[in-house]
Amino acid sequence: MKTFVRSVLGLMACAALGSPAWAADSFFASASVQDFDNGCGSFGGGGGRSAAPISAGFACGSGSAGALATQGHAGVEAHVSGNAIVSGTSEFTTFVTFLPKDGQDGDVIPVQLNAAFAGSMGIGGSADSGYNVAIDIGGTGFTRSTSIDTGAPPSHGVTNLGFSEGGEVDNQLSAFMGGVLTTGVVMVPVAVPVSVSFHLFAGGFGNPGSVNDLFAGSLDFVQDRDLFILPEGFTAEDPDAFVVDNRFTPPGGVPEPASWALMIAGFGMAGAMLRRRRAWAGA
């Protein structure tokens, strides 16, 4: 099973880091469930690529998945109770312009991006699960991934996107992460729009088993601090993504719209049904 998750994480990382196809002000969300107990599966619940924030969600008897992309935010979740493969994928892209203040000089400057990241994975029975985070700045990509398996120790893929604060704690059956991910240094042009992209994937496999991936409020532009680490005398602007003077302030102070809360509630109900089903099966 770990081969499955590693292969998926590898493909998602390569697609994320090697894809100049991300467009300005682009949002993508997909949710996939393949349920072997009930014979249902689909890329369902809407989703796709859009110029506006978008969500996707799908549920079958043994699995459910959801994803949401909004300005400065990518969130996913996936659940299994039985025999199923599930996954959620979310992407967000915008263009940021780095500008001099007070007549500062320079054609190219070094930048780093701060992203808030939080989530958890839990598995039981015969199952595995994994996540992949990728951030791209002007064509330079950074990624981090972790997979857990009920039959093997945790493993990590490329981790050149490290925690600057907080961290990750994992064991064979669970992983918890939370803090600030800071990219490496990227040299960018001054006064020229530069693409910034988020990509988040989480998914798992039960054979049969349980998977609970919760990355709903997960990968975000940081708030209440500078979004980019910049040389003195420079700032970052992107009104389309609510970035003004290197600060991210989404409407209402939160990156998720009300629809995300409703979708989480819906998947919470689906998760409760899956847990009841598991309890009945074990009775």
C-alpha atoms as a PDB file:
ATOM      1  CA  MET A   1       0.000   0.000   0.000  1.00  0.00           C
ATOM      2  CA  LYS A   2       2.829   2.393   0.751  1.00  0.00           C
ATOM      3  CA  THR A   3       3.853   2.023  -2.889  1.00  0.00           C
ATOM      4  CA  PHE A   4       0.455   3.449  -3.878  1.00  0.00           C
ATOM      5  CA  VAL A   5       0.750   6.534  -1.662  1.00  0.00           C
ATOM      6  CA  ARG A   6       4.404   7.137  -2.569  1.00  0.00           C
ATOM      7  CA  SER A   7       3.567   6.913  -6.273  1.00  0.00           C
ATOM      8  CA  VAL A   8       0.652   9.342  -5.924  1.00  0.00           C
ATOM      9  CA  LEU A   9       2.683  11.801  -3.841  1.00  0.00           C
ATOM     10  CA  GLY A  10       5.528  11.612  -6.349  1.00  0.00           C
ATOM     11  CA  LEU A  11       3.225  12.287  -9.286  1.00  0.00           C
ATOM     12  CA  MET A  12       1.514  15.172  -7.489  1.00  0.00           C
ATOM     13  CA  ALA A  13       4.863  16.725  -6.517  1.00  0.00           C
ATOM     14  CA  CYS A  14       6.215  16.468 -10.075  1.00  0.00           C
ATOM     15  CA  ALA A  15       3.017  17.921 -11.519  1.00  0.00           C
ATOM     16  CA  ALA A  16       3.008  20.767  -9.008  1.00  0.00           C
ATOM     17  CA  LEU A  17       6.669  21.714  -9.305  1.00  0.00           C
ATOM     18  CA  GLY A  18       6.998  21.245 -13.052  1.00  0.00           C
ATOM     19  CA  SER A  19       3.792  22.946 -14.107  1.00  0.00           C
ATOM     20  CA  PRO A  20       3.995  26.436 -15.600  1.00  0.00           C
ATOM     21  CA  ALA A  21       0.353  25.837 -16.603  1.00  0.00           C
ATOM     22  CA  TRP A  22      -0.897  27.493 -13.430  1.00  0.00           C
ATOM     23  CA  ALA A  23      -2.511  30.712 -14.618  1.00  0.00           C
ATOM     24  CA  ALA A  24      -2.947  34.051 -12.867  1.00  0.00           C
ATOM     25  CA  ASP A  25      -5.852  34.166 -10.438  1.00  0.00           C
ATOM     26  CA  SER A  26      -6.496  30.472 -10.949  1.00  0.00           C
ATOM     27  CA  PHE A  27      -8.273  28.087  -8.565  1.00  0.00           C
ATOM     28  CA  PHE A  28      -8.566  24.296  -8.759  1.00  0.00           C
ATOM     29  CA  ALA A  29     -10.300  21.698  -6.582  1.00  0.00           C
ATOM     30  CA  SER A  30     -11.000  18.001  -7.096  1.00  0.00           C
ATOM     31  CA  ALA A  31     -12.307  15.184  -4.900  1.00  0.00           C
ATOM     32  CA  SER A  32     -12.020  11.519  -5.819  1.00  0.00           C
ATOM     33  CA  VAL A  33     -13.557   8.431  -4.181  1.00  0.00           C
ATOM     34  CA  GLN A  34     -13.292   4.847  -5.448  1.00  0.00           C
ATOM     35  CA  ASP A  35     -15.406   2.658  -3.166  1.00  0.00           C
ATOM     36  CA  PHE A  36     -14.821  -1.093  -3.623  1.00  0.00           C
ATOM     37  CA  ASP A  37     -17.439  -2.061  -0.996  1.00  0.00           C
ATOM     38  CA  ASN A  38     -20.324  -0.280  -2.702  1.00  0.00           C
ATOM     39  CA  GLY A  39     -19.202  -0.089  -6.316  1.00  0.00           C
ATOM     40  CA  CYS A  40     -19.324   3.685  -6.555  1.00  0.00           C
ATOM     41  CA  GLY A  41     -16.687   6.236  -7.344  1.00  0.00           C
ATOM     42  CA  SER A  42     -16.360   9.559  -9.091  1.00  0.00           C
ATOM     43  CA  PHE A  43     -14.631  12.870  -9.437  1.00  0.00           C
ATOM     44  CA  GLY A  44     -17.815  14.395  -8.049  1.00  0.00           C
ATOM     45  CA  GLY A  45     -19.278  17.338  -6.239  1.00  0.00           C
ATOM     46  CA  GLY A  46     -18.353  20.006  -8.761  1.00  0.00           C
ATOM     47  CA  GLY A  47     -14.757  21.203  -8.772  1.00  0.00           C
ATOM     48  CA  GLY A  48     -12.374  21.728 -11.686  1.00  0.00           C
ATOM     49  CA  ARG A  49     -10.403  24.857 -12.606  1.00  0.00           C
ATOM     50  CA  SER A  50     -11.859  28.326 -12.318  1.00  0.00           C
ATOM     51  CA  ALA A  51     -11.030  32.029 -12.253  1.00  0.00           C
ATOM     52  CA  ALA A  52     -13.019  32.246  -8.982  1.00  0.00           C
ATOM     53  CA  PRO A  53     -12.805  30.342  -5.670  1.00  0.00           C
ATOM     54  CA  ILE A  54     -14.050  26.773  -6.100  1.00  0.00           C
ATOM     55  CA  SER A  55     -14.848  23.681  -4.047  1.00  0.00           C
ATOM     56  CA  ALA A  56     -15.371  19.972  -4.732  1.00  0.00           C
ATOM     57  CA  GLY A  57     -16.822  17.172  -2.626  1.00  0.00           C
ATOM     58  CA  PHE A  58     -17.901  13.566  -3.060  1.00  0.00           C
ATOM     59  CA  ALA A  59     -19.003  10.749  -0.742  1.00  0.00           C
ATOM     60  CA  CYS A  60     -19.754   7.036  -1.167  1.00  0.00           C
ATOM     61  CA  GLY A  61     -20.564   4.443   1.494  1.00  0.00           C
ATOM     62  CA  SER A  62     -16.945   3.727   2.437  1.00  0.00           C
ATOM     63  CA  GLY A  63     -15.252   7.014   1.561  1.00  0.00           C
ATOM     64  CA  SER A  64     -15.560  10.778   1.242  1.00  0.00           C
ATOM     65  CA  ALA A  65     -13.303  13.600   0.075  1.00  0.00           C
ATOM     66  CA  GLY A  66     -13.429  17.373  -0.284  1.00  0.00           C
ATOM     67  CA  ALA A  67     -11.293  20.273  -1.495  1.00  0.00           C
ATOM     68  CA  LEU A  68     -11.471  24.067  -1.546  1.00  0.00           C
ATOM     69  CA  ALA A  69      -9.340  26.790  -3.145  1.00  0.00           C
ATOM     70  CA  THR A  70      -9.780  30.480  -2.334  1.00  0.00           C
ATOM     71  CA  GLN A  71      -7.498  33.531  -2.287  1.00  0.00           C
ATOM     72  CA  GLY A  72      -4.400  32.560  -0.330  1.00  0.00           C
ATOM     73  CA  HIS A  73      -5.885  29.242   0.775  1.00  0.00           C
ATOM     74  CA  ALA A  74      -5.831  25.554  -0.192  1.00  0.00           C
ATOM     75  CA  GLY A  75      -7.696  22.979   1.913  1.00  0.00           C
ATOM     76  CA  VAL A  76      -8.519  19.273   1.514  1.00  0.00           C
ATOM     77  CA  GLU A  77      -9.854  16.355   3.516  1.00  0.00           C
ATOM     78  CA  ALA A  78     -10.342  12.624   2.893  1.00  0.00           C
ATOM     79  CA  HIS A  79     -11.919   9.759   4.873  1.00  0.00           C
ATOM     80  CA  VAL A  80     -12.174   5.970   4.506  1.00  0.00           C
ATOM     81  CA  SER A  81     -13.956   3.307   6.523  1.00  0.00           C
ATOM     82  CA  GLY A  82     -13.688   0.049   4.601  1.00  0.00           C
ATOM     83  CA  ASN A  83     -12.273  -0.686   1.149  1.00  0.00           C
ATOM     84  CA  ALA A  84     -11.759   2.552  -0.750  1.00  0.00           C
ATOM     85  CA  ILE A  85      -9.252   4.946  -2.317  1.00  0.00           C
ATOM     86  CA  VAL A  86      -9.837   8.648  -1.638  1.00  0.00           C
ATOM     87  CA  SER A  87      -8.064  11.904  -2.428  1.00  0.00           C
ATOM     88  CA  GLY A  88      -8.505  15.664  -2.430  1.00  0.00           C
ATOM     89  CA  THR A  89      -6.468  18.182  -4.432  1.00  0.00           C
ATOM     90  CA  SER A  90      -6.506  21.972  -4.167  1.00  0.00           C
ATOM     91  CA  GLU A  91      -4.516  24.665  -6.005  1.00  0.00           C
ATOM     92  CA  PHE A  92      -4.385  28.461  -5.883  1.00  0.00           C
ATOM     93  CA  THR A  93      -2.345  30.784  -8.128  1.00  0.00           C
ATOM     94  CA  THR A  94      -1.957  34.555  -8.181  1.00  0.00           C
ATOM     95  CA  PHE A  95       0.546  37.207  -9.301  1.00  0.00           C
ATOM     96  CA  VAL A  96       2.450  39.344  -6.794  1.00  0.00           C
ATOM     97  CA  THR A  97       4.415  42.493  -7.609  1.00  0.00           C
ATOM     98  CA  PHE A  98       7.467  43.427  -5.530  1.00  0.00           C
ATOM     99  CA  LEU A  99       8.001  47.171  -5.374  1.00  0.00           C
ATOM    100  CA  PRO A 100      10.621  49.552  -3.959  1.00  0.00           C
ATOM    101  CA  LYS A 101       9.720  51.985  -1.206  1.00  0.00           C
ATOM    102  CA  ASP A 102      11.369  55.370  -0.611  1.00  0.00           C
ATOM    103  CA  GLY A 103      13.252  55.267  -3.929  1.00  0.00           C
ATOM    104  CA  GLN A 104      15.058  52.001  -3.137  1.00  0.00           C
ATOM    105  CA  ASP A 105      17.258  50.716  -5.983  1.00  0.00           C
ATOM    106  CA  GLY A 106      17.452  47.220  -7.464  1.00  0.00           C
ATOM    107  CA  ASP A 107      16.300  45.207 -10.463  1.00  0.00           C
ATOM    108  CA  VAL A 108      16.268  41.783  -8.777  1.00  0.00           C
ATOM    109  CA  ILE A 109      15.768  40.964  -5.088  1.00  0.00           C
ATOM    110  CA  PRO A 110      15.767  37.809  -2.917  1.00  0.00           C
ATOM    111  CA  VAL A 111      12.392  36.773  -1.452  1.00  0.00           C
ATOM    112  CA  GLN A 112      11.017  34.000   0.766  1.00  0.00           C
ATOM    113  CA  LEU A 113       7.351  33.228   1.413  1.00  0.00           C
ATOM    114  CA  ASN A 114       5.729  32.385   4.767  1.00  0.00           C
ATOM    115  CA  ALA A 115       2.777  29.970   4.658  1.00  0.00           C
ATOM    116  CA  ALA A 116       0.684  28.747   7.584  1.00  0.00           C
ATOM    117  CA  PHE A 117       0.225  24.971   7.500  1.00  0.00           C
ATOM    118  CA  ALA A 118      -1.826  22.717   9.776  1.00  0.00           C
ATOM    119  CA  GLY A 119      -3.405  19.286   9.472  1.00  0.00           C
ATOM    120  CA  SER A 120      -3.522  15.700  10.626  1.00  0.00           C
ATOM    121  CA  MET A 121      -3.655  12.146   9.297  1.00  0.00           C
ATOM    122  CA  GLY A 122      -4.870   9.056  11.141  1.00  0.00           C
ATOM    123  CA  ILE A 123      -5.147   5.449   9.939  1.00  0.00           C
ATOM    124  CA  GLY A 124      -6.242   2.062  11.278  1.00  0.00           C
ATOM    125  CA  GLY A 125      -6.787  -1.504  10.086  1.00  0.00           C
ATOM    126  CA  SER A 126      -4.954  -2.111   6.812  1.00  0.00           C
ATOM    127  CA  ALA A 127      -4.446   1.373   5.414  1.00  0.00           C
ATOM    128  CA  ASP A 128      -2.029   4.066   4.345  1.00  0.00           C
ATOM    129  CA  SER A 129      -2.239   7.797   3.759  1.00  0.00           C
ATOM    130  CA  GLY A 130      -0.122  10.737   2.686  1.00  0.00           C
ATOM    131  CA  TYR A 131      -0.041  14.448   1.892  1.00  0.00           C
ATOM    132  CA  ASN A 132       1.987  16.661  -0.422  1.00  0.00           C
ATOM    133  CA  VAL A 133       2.427  20.436  -0.182  1.00  0.00           C
ATOM    134  CA  ALA A 134       4.061  22.435  -2.971  1.00  0.00           C
ATOM    135  CA  ILE A 135       4.683  26.178  -3.251  1.00  0.00           C
ATOM    136  CA  ASP A 136       5.973  27.748  -6.463  1.00  0.00           C
ATOM    137  CA  ILE A 137       7.382  31.282  -6.757  1.00  0.00           C
ATOM    138  CA  GLY A 138       8.158  32.497 -10.257  1.00  0.00           C
ATOM    139  CA  GLY A 139       8.794  28.960 -11.510  1.00  0.00           C
ATOM    140  CA  THR A 140      10.922  27.832  -8.537  1.00  0.00           C
ATOM    141  CA  GLY A 141       9.204  25.101  -6.539  1.00  0.00           C
ATOM    142  CA  PHE A 142       9.422  23.858  -2.970  1.00  0.00           C
ATOM    143  CA  THR A 143       7.696  20.769  -1.609  1.00  0.00           C
ATOM    144  CA  ARG A 144       7.096  18.689   1.509  1.00  0.00           C
ATOM    145  CA  SER A 145       5.366  15.311   1.880  1.00  0.00           C
ATOM    146  CA  THR A 146       4.746  12.609   4.480  1.00  0.00           C
ATOM    147  CA  SER A 147       3.131   9.178   4.260  1.00  0.00           C
ATOM    148  CA  ILE A 148       2.078   6.781   7.039  1.00  0.00           C
ATOM    149  CA  ASP A 149       1.264   3.069   6.785  1.00  0.00           C
ATOM    150  CA  THR A 150      -0.188   0.614   9.302  1.00  0.00           C
ATOM    151  CA  GLY A 151       2.457  -1.888   8.140  1.00  0.00           C
ATOM    152  CA  ALA A 152       5.585   0.298   8.030  1.00  0.00           C
ATOM    153  CA  PRO A 153       7.284   3.319   9.654  1.00  0.00           C
ATOM    154  CA  PRO A 154       6.427   6.839   8.397  1.00  0.00           C
ATOM    155  CA  SER A 155       8.343   8.096   5.383  1.00  0.00           C
ATOM    156  CA  HIS A 156       9.061  11.527   3.948  1.00  0.00           C
ATOM    157  CA  GLY A 157       9.555  12.596   0.378  1.00  0.00           C
ATOM    158  CA  VAL A 158      11.348  15.807  -0.550  1.00  0.00           C
ATOM    159  CA  THR A 159      11.247  18.236   2.385  1.00  0.00           C
ATOM    160  CA  ASN A 160      12.867  21.385   1.002  1.00  0.00           C
ATOM    161  CA  LEU A 161       9.841  23.276   2.342  1.00  0.00           C
ATOM    162  CA  GLY A 162      10.599  23.232   6.056  1.00  0.00           C
ATOM    163  CA  PHE A 163       8.878  24.499   9.175  1.00  0.00           C
ATOM    164  CA  SER A 164      10.280  27.758  10.470  1.00  0.00           C
ATOM    165  CA  GLU A 165       8.107  27.384  13.571  1.00  0.00           C
ATOM    166  CA  GLY A 166       5.873  24.633  14.853  1.00  0.00           C
ATOM    167  CA  GLY A 167       6.627  21.284  13.254  1.00  0.00           C
ATOM    168  CA  GLU A 168       5.410  17.765  12.574  1.00  0.00           C
ATOM    169  CA  VAL A 169       5.004  14.760  14.859  1.00  0.00           C
ATOM    170  CA  ASP A 170       4.350  11.408  13.218  1.00  0.00           C
ATOM    171  CA  ASN A 171       4.206   7.730  14.034  1.00  0.00           C
ATOM    172  CA  GLN A 172       3.010   4.609  12.262  1.00  0.00           C
ATOM    173  CA  LEU A 173      -0.691   5.399  12.739  1.00  0.00           C
ATOM    174  CA  SER A 174      -0.895   9.197  12.801  1.00  0.00           C
ATOM    175  CA  ALA A 175       0.764  12.463  11.857  1.00  0.00           C
ATOM    176  CA  PHE A 176       0.083  15.966  13.164  1.00  0.00           C
ATOM    177  CA  MET A 177       1.584  19.129  11.745  1.00  0.00           C
ATOM    178  CA  GLY A 178       1.211  22.838  12.419  1.00  0.00           C
ATOM    179  CA  GLY A 179       3.296  25.985  12.114  1.00  0.00           C
ATOM    180  CA  VAL A 180       4.830  28.213   9.460  1.00  0.00           C
ATOM    181  CA  LEU A 181       6.414  26.813   6.307  1.00  0.00           C
ATOM    182  CA  THR A 182       9.059  29.124   4.869  1.00  0.00           C
ATOM    183  CA  THR A 183      10.375  28.639   1.345  1.00  0.00           C
ATOM    184  CA  GLY A 184      13.970  28.907   0.309  1.00  0.00           C
ATOM    185  CA  VAL A 185      15.277  32.079  -1.312  1.00  0.00           C
ATOM    186  CA  VAL A 186      14.080  32.961  -4.809  1.00  0.00           C
ATOM    187  CA  MET A 187      15.483  35.826  -6.859  1.00  0.00           C
ATOM    188  CA  VAL A 188      12.622  37.802  -8.428  1.00  0.00           C
ATOM    189  CA  PRO A 189      12.415  40.924 -10.634  1.00  0.00           C
ATOM    190  CA  VAL A 190      11.292  44.238  -9.160  1.00  0.00           C
ATOM    191  CA  ALA A 191       8.096  45.872 -10.462  1.00  0.00           C
ATOM    192  CA  VAL A 192       7.207  42.822 -12.596  1.00  0.00           C
ATOM    193  CA  PRO A 193       4.317  40.505 -11.608  1.00  0.00           C
ATOM    194  CA  VAL A 194       5.603  37.156 -10.304  1.00  0.00           C
ATOM    195  CA  SER A 195       3.457  34.016 -10.100  1.00  0.00           C
ATOM    196  CA  VAL A 196       2.875  32.469  -6.665  1.00  0.00           C
ATOM    197  CA  SER A 197       1.150  29.073  -6.477  1.00  0.00           C
ATOM    198  CA  PHE A 198      -0.102  26.756  -3.734  1.00  0.00           C
ATOM    199  CA  HIS A 199      -0.750  23.045  -4.259  1.00  0.00           C
ATOM    200  CA  LEU A 200      -2.108  20.654  -1.609  1.00  0.00           C
ATOM    201  CA  PHE A 201      -2.917  16.945  -1.965  1.00  0.00           C
ATOM    202  CA  ALA A 202      -4.027  14.411   0.651  1.00  0.00           C
ATOM    203  CA  GLY A 203      -5.340  10.907   0.137  1.00  0.00           C
ATOM    204  CA  GLY A 204      -5.305   7.324   1.314  1.00  0.00           C
ATOM    205  CA  PHE A 205      -6.292   3.712   0.864  1.00  0.00           C
ATOM    206  CA  GLY A 206      -8.192   1.258   3.074  1.00  0.00           C
ATOM    207  CA  ASN A 207      -7.935  -2.475   2.391  1.00  0.00           C
ATOM    208  CA  PRO A 208     -10.043  -2.587   4.545  1.00  0.00           C
ATOM    209  CA  GLY A 209      -9.151   0.127   7.000  1.00  0.00           C
ATOM    210  CA  SER A 210      -9.776   3.674   8.160  1.00  0.00           C
ATOM    211  CA  VAL A 211      -8.266   6.942   6.930  1.00  0.00           C
ATOM    212  CA  ASN A 212      -8.943  10.386   8.376  1.00  0.00           C
ATOM    213  CA  ASP A 213      -7.080  13.239   6.673  1.00  0.00           C
ATOM    214  CA  LEU A 214      -8.017  16.686   7.972  1.00  0.00           C
ATOM    215  CA  PHE A 215      -6.394  19.552   6.087  1.00  0.00           C
ATOM    216  CA  ALA A 216      -9.530  21.696   5.796  1.00  0.00           C
ATOM    217  CA  GLY A 217      -8.033  24.910   7.184  1.00  0.00           C
ATOM    218  CA  SER A 218      -4.573  23.980   6.107  1.00  0.00           C
ATOM    219  CA  LEU A 219      -2.315  25.838   3.683  1.00  0.00           C
ATOM    220  CA  ASP A 220      -2.660  29.629   3.861  1.00  0.00           C
ATOM    221  CA  PHE A 221      -0.878  32.895   3.355  1.00  0.00           C
ATOM    222  CA  VAL A 222       0.144  33.894   6.878  1.00  0.00           C
ATOM    223  CA  GLN A 223      -1.768  36.642   8.644  1.00  0.00           C
ATOM    224  CA  ASP A 224      -0.674  39.210  11.255  1.00  0.00           C
ATOM    225  CA  ARG A 225       2.921  39.194   9.989  1.00  0.00           C
ATOM    226  CA  ASP A 226       4.855  39.863   6.782  1.00  0.00           C
ATOM    227  CA  LEU A 227       3.857  37.477   4.014  1.00  0.00           C
ATOM    228  CA  PHE A 228       7.246  37.654   2.288  1.00  0.00           C
ATOM    229  CA  ILE A 229      10.722  38.018   3.770  1.00  0.00           C
ATOM    230  CA  LEU A 230      12.123  40.917   1.729  1.00  0.00           C
ATOM    231  CA  PRO A 231      15.181  43.187   1.730  1.00  0.00           C
ATOM    232  CA  GLU A 232      14.699  46.423   3.605  1.00  0.00           C
ATOM    233  CA  GLY A 233      12.985  49.067   1.502  1.00  0.00           C
ATOM    234  CA  PHE A 234      10.792  46.698  -0.562  1.00  0.00           C
ATOM    235  CA  THR A 235       7.195  45.556  -0.270  1.00  0.00           C
ATOM    236  CA  ALA A 236       4.734  43.131  -1.929  1.00  0.00           C
ATOM    237  CA  GLU A 237       1.378  44.037  -3.504  1.00  0.00           C
ATOM    238  CA  ASP A 238      -1.438  41.862  -4.881  1.00  0.00           C
ATOM    239  CA  PRO A 239      -4.891  43.415  -4.371  1.00  0.00           C
ATOM    240  CA  ASP A 240      -6.541  40.458  -6.165  1.00  0.00           C
ATOM    241  CA  ALA A 241      -5.353  38.149  -3.379  1.00  0.00           C
ATOM    242  CA  PHE A 242      -5.851  40.715  -0.578  1.00  0.00           C
ATOM    243  CA  VAL A 243      -2.097  41.352  -0.182  1.00  0.00           C
ATOM    244  CA  VAL A 244      -1.363  45.007   0.561  1.00  0.00           C
ATOM    245  CA  ASP A 245       2.032  46.288   1.756  1.00  0.00           C
ATOM    246  CA  ASN A 246       3.261  42.702   2.297  1.00  0.00           C
ATOM    247  CA  ARG A 247       0.316  41.771   4.561  1.00  0.00           C
ATOM    248  CA  PHE A 248      -2.474  39.317   3.773  1.00  0.00           C
ATOM    249  CA  THR A 249      -5.872  40.436   5.058  1.00  0.00           C
ATOM    250  CA  PRO A 250      -8.749  38.471   3.501  1.00  0.00           C
ATOM    251  CA  PRO A 251     -12.333  39.722   3.844  1.00  0.00           C
ATOM    252  CA  GLY A 252     -13.626  39.029   7.331  1.00  0.00           C
ATOM    253  CA  GLY A 253     -10.140  38.087   8.521  1.00  0.00           C
ATOM    254  CA  VAL A 254     -10.485  34.414   7.499  1.00  0.00           C
ATOM    255  CA  PRO A 255      -9.501  32.748   4.224  1.00  0.00           C
ATOM    256  CA  GLU A 256     -12.412  30.273   4.049  1.00  0.00           C
ATOM    257  CA  PRO A 257     -15.869  31.370   2.914  1.00  0.00           C
ATOM    258  CA  ALA A 258     -19.030  30.162   4.634  1.00  0.00           C
ATOM    259  CA  SER A 259     -19.398  27.430   2.016  1.00  0.00           C
ATOM    260  CA  TRP A 260     -16.254  25.739   3.361  1.00  0.00           C
ATOM    261  CA  ALA A 261     -17.727  25.547   6.838  1.00  0.00           C
ATOM    262  CA  LEU A 262     -20.883  24.023   5.376  1.00  0.00           C
ATOM    263  CA  MET A 263     -18.868  21.502   3.410  1.00  0.00           C
ATOM    264  CA  ILE A 264     -16.862  20.543   6.506  1.00  0.00           C
ATOM    265  CA  ALA A 265     -20.122  20.021   8.386  1.00  0.00           C
ATOM    266  CA  GLY A 266     -21.376  17.802   5.579  1.00  0.00           C
ATOM    267  CA  PHE A 267     -18.243  15.692   5.582  1.00  0.00           C
ATOM    268  CA  GLY A 268     -18.382  15.572   9.374  1.00  0.00           C
ATOM    269  CA  MET A 269     -21.809  13.996   9.059  1.00  0.00           C
ATOM    270  CA  ALA A 270     -20.480  11.585   6.448  1.00  0.00           C
ATOM    271  CA  GLY A 271     -17.579  10.731   8.748  1.00  0.00           C
ATOM    272  CA  ALA A 272     -19.966  10.093  11.622  1.00  0.00           C
ATOM    273  CA  MET A 273     -21.961   7.727   9.408  1.00  0.00           C
ATOM    274  CA  LEU A 274     -18.764   5.908   8.450  1.00  0.00           C
ATOM    275  CA  ARG A 275     -17.776   5.584  12.108  1.00  0.00           C
ATOM    276  CA  ARG A 276     -21.208   4.201  13.007  1.00  0.00           C
ATOM    277  CA  ARG A 277     -20.950   1.751  10.163  1.00  0.00           C
ATOM    278  CA  ARG A 278     -17.546   0.596  11.433  1.00  0.00           C
ATOM    279  CA  ALA A 279     -18.927   0.207  14.943  1.00  0.00           C
ATOM    280  CA  TRP A 280     -21.847  -1.859  13.661  1.00  0.00           C
ATOM    281  CA  ALA A 281     -19.487  -4.027  11.616  1.00  0.00           C
ATOM    282  CA  GLY A 282     -17.372  -4.684  14.694  1.00  0.00           C
ATOM    283  CA  ALA A 283     -20.347  -5.484  16.939  1.00  0.00           C
END
